Amino acid sequence: MTKLKYQMVIQWSDEDDCFLVGFPDFPGQQWRTHGDTYEAAVTNGIEALESLTIAYEAVGDPLPEPTVCSAA
């Protein structure tokens, strides 16, 4: 799979007692997956992002432009 360059936000949730994973570049995708540990959240986030892009491509929707940060 092509190297994806999308932001992945990982944030602890006391309410859910786990790390939540979101992709800000995808509209309507505030929290897409989660993990009990940070490492599990990263792994699940990568899988969710791959699935999300496959779903977009399957229905012919263009992928959103990734937000790119410039380092100084």
PDB file of N, CA and C in Angstrom:
ATOM      1  N   MET A   1       0.844  -1.181   0.000  1.00  0.00           N
ATOM      2  CA  MET A   1       0.000   0.000   0.000  1.00  0.00           C
ATOM      3  C   MET A   1       0.889   1.244   0.000  1.00  0.00           C
ATOM      4  N   THR A   2       0.437   2.263  -0.699  1.00  0.00           N
ATOM      5  CA  THR A   2       1.159   3.526  -0.751  1.00  0.00           C
ATOM      6  C   THR A   2       1.298   4.089   0.665  1.00  0.00           C
ATOM      7  N   LYS A   3       2.427   4.702   0.919  1.00  0.00           N
ATOM      8  CA  LYS A   3       2.645   5.306   2.236  1.00  0.00           C
ATOM      9  C   LYS A   3       1.645   6.446   2.444  1.00  0.00           C
ATOM     10  N   LEU A   4       0.826   6.329   3.443  1.00  0.00           N
ATOM     11  CA  LEU A   4      -0.202   7.326   3.729  1.00  0.00           C
ATOM     12  C   LEU A   4       0.376   8.421   4.611  1.00  0.00           C
ATOM     13  N   LYS A   5       0.007   9.668   4.318  1.00  0.00           N
ATOM     14  CA  LYS A   5       0.561  10.807   5.049  1.00  0.00           C
ATOM     15  C   LYS A   5      -0.542  11.594   5.734  1.00  0.00           C
ATOM     16  N   TYR A   6      -1.400  10.900   6.432  1.00  0.00           N
ATOM     17  CA  TYR A   6      -2.503  11.552   7.137  1.00  0.00           C
ATOM     18  C   TYR A   6      -2.193  11.653   8.621  1.00  0.00           C
ATOM     19  N   GLN A   7      -2.706  12.714   9.238  1.00  0.00           N
ATOM     20  CA  GLN A   7      -2.566  12.879  10.682  1.00  0.00           C
ATOM     21  C   GLN A   7      -3.364  11.795  11.401  1.00  0.00           C
ATOM     22  N   MET A   8      -2.793  11.299  12.464  1.00  0.00           N
ATOM     23  CA  MET A   8      -3.505  10.365  13.334  1.00  0.00           C
ATOM     24  C   MET A   8      -3.413  10.942  14.741  1.00  0.00           C
ATOM     25  N   VAL A   9      -4.550  11.293  15.327  1.00  0.00           N
ATOM     26  CA  VAL A   9      -4.590  11.861  16.667  1.00  0.00           C
ATOM     27  C   VAL A   9      -4.913  10.735  17.649  1.00  0.00           C
ATOM     28  N   ILE A  10      -4.086  10.614  18.677  1.00  0.00           N
ATOM     29  CA  ILE A  10      -4.308   9.610  19.722  1.00  0.00           C
ATOM     30  C   ILE A  10      -4.444  10.356  21.035  1.00  0.00           C
ATOM     31  N   GLN A  11      -5.570  10.129  21.704  1.00  0.00           N
ATOM     32  CA  GLN A  11      -5.874  10.878  22.928  1.00  0.00           C
ATOM     33  C   GLN A  11      -6.491   9.938  23.967  1.00  0.00           C
ATOM     34  N   TRP A  12      -6.044  10.053  25.199  1.00  0.00           N
ATOM     35  CA  TRP A  12      -6.603   9.254  26.283  1.00  0.00           C
ATOM     36  C   TRP A  12      -8.007   9.738  26.617  1.00  0.00           C
ATOM     37  N   SER A  13      -8.923   8.797  26.890  1.00  0.00           N
ATOM     38  CA  SER A  13     -10.278   9.135  27.313  1.00  0.00           C
ATOM     39  C   SER A  13     -10.555   8.462  28.654  1.00  0.00           C
ATOM     40  N   ASP A  14     -10.727   9.294  29.703  1.00  0.00           N
ATOM     41  CA  ASP A  14     -11.098   8.745  31.009  1.00  0.00           C
ATOM     42  C   ASP A  14     -12.467   8.081  30.933  1.00  0.00           C
ATOM     43  N   GLU A  15     -13.377   8.689  30.179  1.00  0.00           N
ATOM     44  CA  GLU A  15     -14.737   8.162  30.050  1.00  0.00           C
ATOM     45  C   GLU A  15     -14.745   6.755  29.445  1.00  0.00           C
ATOM     46  N   ASP A  16     -13.910   6.555  28.418  1.00  0.00           N
ATOM     47  CA  ASP A  16     -13.867   5.256  27.733  1.00  0.00           C
ATOM     48  C   ASP A  16     -12.790   4.334  28.287  1.00  0.00           C
ATOM     49  N   ASP A  17     -11.891   4.875  29.133  1.00  0.00           N
ATOM     50  CA  ASP A  17     -10.799   4.123  29.737  1.00  0.00           C
ATOM     51  C   ASP A  17      -9.910   3.470  28.677  1.00  0.00           C
ATOM     52  N   CYS A  18      -9.610   4.239  27.623  1.00  0.00           N
ATOM     53  CA  CYS A  18      -8.738   3.755  26.556  1.00  0.00           C
ATOM     54  C   CYS A  18      -8.242   4.948  25.744  1.00  0.00           C
ATOM     55  N   PHE A  19      -7.324   4.681  24.830  1.00  0.00           N
ATOM     56  CA  PHE A  19      -6.843   5.694  23.903  1.00  0.00           C
ATOM     57  C   PHE A  19      -7.758   5.702  22.686  1.00  0.00           C
ATOM     58  N   LEU A  20      -8.247   6.882  22.299  1.00  0.00           N
ATOM     59  CA  LEU A  20      -9.085   7.037  21.122  1.00  0.00           C
ATOM     60  C   LEU A  20      -8.216   7.503  19.965  1.00  0.00           C
ATOM     61  N   VAL A  21      -8.550   7.056  18.758  1.00  0.00           N
ATOM     62  CA  VAL A  21      -7.776   7.392  17.566  1.00  0.00           C
ATOM     63  C   VAL A  21      -8.689   8.073  16.560  1.00  0.00           C
ATOM     64  N   GLY A  22      -8.246   9.218  16.060  1.00  0.00           N
ATOM     65  CA  GLY A  22      -9.019   9.943  15.063  1.00  0.00           C
ATOM     66  C   GLY A  22      -8.151  10.410  13.913  1.00  0.00           C
ATOM     67  N   PHE A  23      -8.805  10.753  12.802  1.00  0.00           N
ATOM     68  CA  PHE A  23      -8.131  11.230  11.598  1.00  0.00           C
ATOM     69  C   PHE A  23      -8.751  12.554  11.175  1.00  0.00           C
ATOM     70  N   PRO A  24      -8.164  13.685  11.589  1.00  0.00           N
ATOM     71  CA  PRO A  24      -8.760  15.000  11.343  1.00  0.00           C
ATOM     72  C   PRO A  24      -8.960  15.342   9.863  1.00  0.00           C
ATOM     73  N   ASP A  25      -8.176  14.750   8.972  1.00  0.00           N
ATOM     74  CA  ASP A  25      -8.312  15.068   7.552  1.00  0.00           C
ATOM     75  C   ASP A  25      -9.545  14.447   6.911  1.00  0.00           C
ATOM     76  N   PHE A  26     -10.164  13.492   7.586  1.00  0.00           N
ATOM     77  CA  PHE A  26     -11.358  12.830   7.054  1.00  0.00           C
ATOM     78  C   PHE A  26     -12.598  13.413   7.729  1.00  0.00           C
ATOM     79  N   PRO A  27     -13.463  14.087   6.956  1.00  0.00           N
ATOM     80  CA  PRO A  27     -14.665  14.697   7.541  1.00  0.00           C
ATOM     81  C   PRO A  27     -15.552  13.658   8.213  1.00  0.00           C
ATOM     82  N   GLY A  28     -16.104  14.044   9.366  1.00  0.00           N
ATOM     83  CA  GLY A  28     -17.028  13.154  10.069  1.00  0.00           C
ATOM     84  C   GLY A  28     -16.363  11.982  10.752  1.00  0.00           C
ATOM     85  N   GLN A  29     -15.057  12.021  10.900  1.00  0.00           N
ATOM     86  CA  GLN A  29     -14.321  10.910  11.503  1.00  0.00           C
ATOM     87  C   GLN A  29     -13.644  11.336  12.798  1.00  0.00           C
ATOM     88  N   GLN A  30     -14.429  11.840  13.761  1.00  0.00           N
ATOM     89  CA  GLN A  30     -13.795  12.339  14.985  1.00  0.00           C
ATOM     90  C   GLN A  30     -12.983  11.238  15.669  1.00  0.00           C
ATOM     91  N   TRP A  31     -13.604  10.123  15.997  1.00  0.00           N
ATOM     92  CA  TRP A  31     -12.898   8.991  16.607  1.00  0.00           C
ATOM     93  C   TRP A  31     -13.216   7.760  15.784  1.00  0.00           C
ATOM     94  N   ARG A  32     -12.188   7.132  15.263  1.00  0.00           N
ATOM     95  CA  ARG A  32     -12.376   6.017  14.332  1.00  0.00           C
ATOM     96  C   ARG A  32     -12.114   4.660  14.972  1.00  0.00           C
ATOM     97  N   THR A  33     -11.187   4.607  15.922  1.00  0.00           N
ATOM     98  CA  THR A  33     -10.862   3.349  16.587  1.00  0.00           C
ATOM     99  C   THR A  33     -10.282   3.663  17.965  1.00  0.00           C
ATOM    100  N   HIS A  34      -9.765   2.665  18.638  1.00  0.00           N
ATOM    101  CA  HIS A  34      -9.233   2.861  19.986  1.00  0.00           C
ATOM    102  C   HIS A  34      -8.225   1.758  20.313  1.00  0.00           C
ATOM    103  N   GLY A  35      -7.620   1.853  21.493  1.00  0.00           N
ATOM    104  CA  GLY A  35      -6.724   0.817  21.988  1.00  0.00           C
ATOM    105  C   GLY A  35      -6.574   0.956  23.490  1.00  0.00           C
ATOM    106  N   ASP A  36      -6.395  -0.173  24.157  1.00  0.00           N
ATOM    107  CA  ASP A  36      -6.205  -0.154  25.610  1.00  0.00           C
ATOM    108  C   ASP A  36      -4.840   0.403  25.994  1.00  0.00           C
ATOM    109  N   THR A  37      -3.860   0.266  25.092  1.00  0.00           N
ATOM    110  CA  THR A  37      -2.533   0.847  25.298  1.00  0.00           C
ATOM    111  C   THR A  37      -2.246   1.789  24.134  1.00  0.00           C
ATOM    112  N   TYR A  38      -1.253   2.644  24.307  1.00  0.00           N
ATOM    113  CA  TYR A  38      -0.882   3.558  23.233  1.00  0.00           C
ATOM    114  C   TYR A  38      -0.431   2.766  22.005  1.00  0.00           C
ATOM    115  N   GLU A  39       0.347   1.721  22.242  1.00  0.00           N
ATOM    116  CA  GLU A  39       0.853   0.898  21.149  1.00  0.00           C
ATOM    117  C   GLU A  39      -0.288   0.231  20.383  1.00  0.00           C
ATOM    118  N   ALA A  40      -1.286  -0.275  21.108  1.00  0.00           N
ATOM    119  CA  ALA A  40      -2.445  -0.894  20.458  1.00  0.00           C
ATOM    120  C   ALA A  40      -3.235   0.144  19.662  1.00  0.00           C
ATOM    121  N   ALA A  41      -3.326   1.366  20.190  1.00  0.00           N
ATOM    122  CA  ALA A  41      -4.027   2.439  19.478  1.00  0.00           C
ATOM    123  C   ALA A  41      -3.323   2.762  18.166  1.00  0.00           C
ATOM    124  N   VAL A  42      -1.993   2.791  18.173  1.00  0.00           N
ATOM    125  CA  VAL A  42      -1.236   3.049  16.947  1.00  0.00           C
ATOM    126  C   VAL A  42      -1.501   1.938  15.926  1.00  0.00           C
ATOM    127  N   THR A  43      -1.385   0.691  16.356  1.00  0.00           N
ATOM    128  CA  THR A  43      -1.623  -0.445  15.454  1.00  0.00           C
ATOM    129  C   THR A  43      -3.034  -0.418  14.899  1.00  0.00           C
ATOM    130  N   ASN A  44      -4.014  -0.204  15.772  1.00  0.00           N
ATOM    131  CA  ASN A  44      -5.415  -0.154  15.321  1.00  0.00           C
ATOM    132  C   ASN A  44      -5.653   1.055  14.424  1.00  0.00           C
ATOM    133  N   GLY A  45      -4.971   2.163  14.705  1.00  0.00           N
ATOM    134  CA  GLY A  45      -5.108   3.354  13.881  1.00  0.00           C
ATOM    135  C   GLY A  45      -4.590   3.139  12.472  1.00  0.00           C
ATOM    136  N   ILE A  46      -3.462   2.483  12.340  1.00  0.00           N
ATOM    137  CA  ILE A  46      -2.912   2.189  11.012  1.00  0.00           C
ATOM    138  C   ILE A  46      -3.876   1.303  10.230  1.00  0.00           C
ATOM    139  N   GLU A  47      -4.404   0.270  10.881  1.00  0.00           N
ATOM    140  CA  GLU A  47      -5.370  -0.617  10.221  1.00  0.00           C
ATOM    141  C   GLU A  47      -6.639   0.142   9.835  1.00  0.00           C
ATOM    142  N   ALA A  48      -7.110   1.014  10.715  1.00  0.00           N
ATOM    143  CA  ALA A  48      -8.329   1.780  10.427  1.00  0.00           C
ATOM    144  C   ALA A  48      -8.105   2.739   9.270  1.00  0.00           C
ATOM    145  N   LEU A  49      -6.940   3.366   9.213  1.00  0.00           N
ATOM    146  CA  LEU A  49      -6.639   4.287   8.127  1.00  0.00           C
ATOM    147  C   LEU A  49      -6.571   3.546   6.794  1.00  0.00           C
ATOM    148  N   GLU A  50      -5.946   2.377   6.793  1.00  0.00           N
ATOM    149  CA  GLU A  50      -5.894   1.572   5.575  1.00  0.00           C
ATOM    150  C   GLU A  50      -7.301   1.182   5.128  1.00  0.00           C
ATOM    151  N   SER A  51      -8.146   0.756   6.059  1.00  0.00           N
ATOM    152  CA  SER A  51      -9.523   0.387   5.735  1.00  0.00           C
ATOM    153  C   SER A  51     -10.323   1.585   5.236  1.00  0.00           C
ATOM    154  N   LEU A  52     -10.105   2.729   5.853  1.00  0.00           N
ATOM    155  CA  LEU A  52     -10.806   3.947   5.467  1.00  0.00           C
ATOM    156  C   LEU A  52     -10.465   4.340   4.033  1.00  0.00           C
ATOM    157  N   THR A  53      -9.190   4.285   3.675  1.00  0.00           N
ATOM    158  CA  THR A  53      -8.793   4.647   2.312  1.00  0.00           C
ATOM    159  C   THR A  53      -9.306   3.627   1.298  1.00  0.00           C
ATOM    160  N   ILE A  54      -9.324   2.360   1.653  1.00  0.00           N
ATOM    161  CA  ILE A  54      -9.874   1.327   0.768  1.00  0.00           C
ATOM    162  C   ILE A  54     -11.357   1.572   0.531  1.00  0.00           C
ATOM    163  N   ALA A  55     -12.081   1.949   1.587  1.00  0.00           N
ATOM    164  CA  ALA A  55     -13.519   2.220   1.466  1.00  0.00           C
ATOM    165  C   ALA A  55     -13.769   3.416   0.551  1.00  0.00           C
ATOM    166  N   TYR A  56     -12.975   4.467   0.690  1.00  0.00           N
ATOM    167  CA  TYR A  56     -13.107   5.640  -0.186  1.00  0.00           C
ATOM    168  C   TYR A  56     -12.896   5.228  -1.640  1.00  0.00           C
ATOM    169  N   GLU A  57     -11.831   4.460  -1.884  1.00  0.00           N
ATOM    170  CA  GLU A  57     -11.501   4.044  -3.237  1.00  0.00           C
ATOM    171  C   GLU A  57     -12.559   3.101  -3.813  1.00  0.00           C
ATOM    172  N   ALA A  58     -13.137   2.251  -2.983  1.00  0.00           N
ATOM    173  CA  ALA A  58     -14.131   1.285  -3.445  1.00  0.00           C
ATOM    174  C   ALA A  58     -15.383   1.963  -3.995  1.00  0.00           C
ATOM    175  N   VAL A  59     -15.745   3.093  -3.424  1.00  0.00           N
ATOM    176  CA  VAL A  59     -16.941   3.801  -3.897  1.00  0.00           C
ATOM    177  C   VAL A  59     -16.584   4.933  -4.856  1.00  0.00           C
ATOM    178  N   GLY A  60     -15.306   5.082  -5.148  1.00  0.00           N
ATOM    179  CA  GLY A  60     -14.876   6.093  -6.102  1.00  0.00           C
ATOM    180  C   GLY A  60     -14.777   7.497  -5.557  1.00  0.00           C
ATOM    181  N   ASP A  61     -14.794   7.636  -4.236  1.00  0.00           N
ATOM    182  CA  ASP A  61     -14.654   8.957  -3.631  1.00  0.00           C
ATOM    183  C   ASP A  61     -13.176   9.350  -3.602  1.00  0.00           C
ATOM    184  N   PRO A  62     -12.864  10.608  -3.911  1.00  0.00           N
ATOM    185  CA  PRO A  62     -11.459  11.035  -3.818  1.00  0.00           C
ATOM    186  C   PRO A  62     -11.033  11.130  -2.360  1.00  0.00           C
ATOM    187  N   LEU A  63      -9.804  10.777  -2.098  1.00  0.00           N
ATOM    188  CA  LEU A  63      -9.276  10.907  -0.742  1.00  0.00           C
ATOM    189  C   LEU A  63      -9.061  12.378  -0.430  1.00  0.00           C
ATOM    190  N   PRO A  64      -9.298  12.780   0.816  1.00  0.00           N
ATOM    191  CA  PRO A  64      -9.050  14.178   1.182  1.00  0.00           C
ATOM    192  C   PRO A  64      -7.551  14.476   1.112  1.00  0.00           C
ATOM    193  N   GLU A  65      -7.245  15.745   0.907  1.00  0.00           N
ATOM    194  CA  GLU A  65      -5.845  16.161   0.917  1.00  0.00           C
ATOM    195  C   GLU A  65      -5.313  16.067   2.343  1.00  0.00           C
ATOM    196  N   PRO A  66      -4.159  15.425   2.542  1.00  0.00           N
ATOM    197  CA  PRO A  66      -3.607  15.375   3.887  1.00  0.00           C
ATOM    198  C   PRO A  66      -3.058  16.736   4.313  1.00  0.00           C
ATOM    199  N   THR A  67      -3.189  17.026   5.584  1.00  0.00           N
ATOM    200  CA  THR A  67      -2.587  18.226   6.145  1.00  0.00           C
ATOM    201  C   THR A  67      -1.111  17.956   6.324  1.00  0.00           C
ATOM    202  N   VAL A  68      -0.280  18.819   5.750  1.00  0.00           N
ATOM    203  CA  VAL A  68       1.163  18.620   5.832  1.00  0.00           C
ATOM    204  C   VAL A  68       1.766  19.752   6.642  1.00  0.00           C
ATOM    205  N   CYS A  69       2.555  19.383   7.633  1.00  0.00           N
ATOM    206  CA  CYS A  69       3.222  20.376   8.486  1.00  0.00           C
ATOM    207  C   CYS A  69       4.643  20.593   7.963  1.00  0.00           C
ATOM    208  N   SER A  70       5.082  21.820   8.008  1.00  0.00           N
ATOM    209  CA  SER A  70       6.440  22.144   7.590  1.00  0.00           C
ATOM    210  C   SER A  70       7.294  22.363   8.831  1.00  0.00           C
ATOM    211  N   ALA A  71       8.380  21.624   8.912  1.00  0.00           N
ATOM    212  CA  ALA A  71       9.293  21.784  10.037  1.00  0.00           C
ATOM    213  C   ALA A  71      10.215  22.963   9.755  1.00  0.00           C
ATOM    214  N   ALA A  72      10.511  23.719  10.782  1.00  0.00           N
ATOM    215  CA  ALA A  72      11.364  24.904  10.606  1.00  0.00           C
ATOM    216  C   ALA A  72      12.814  24.517  10.562  1.00  0.00           C
TER     217      ALA A  72
END
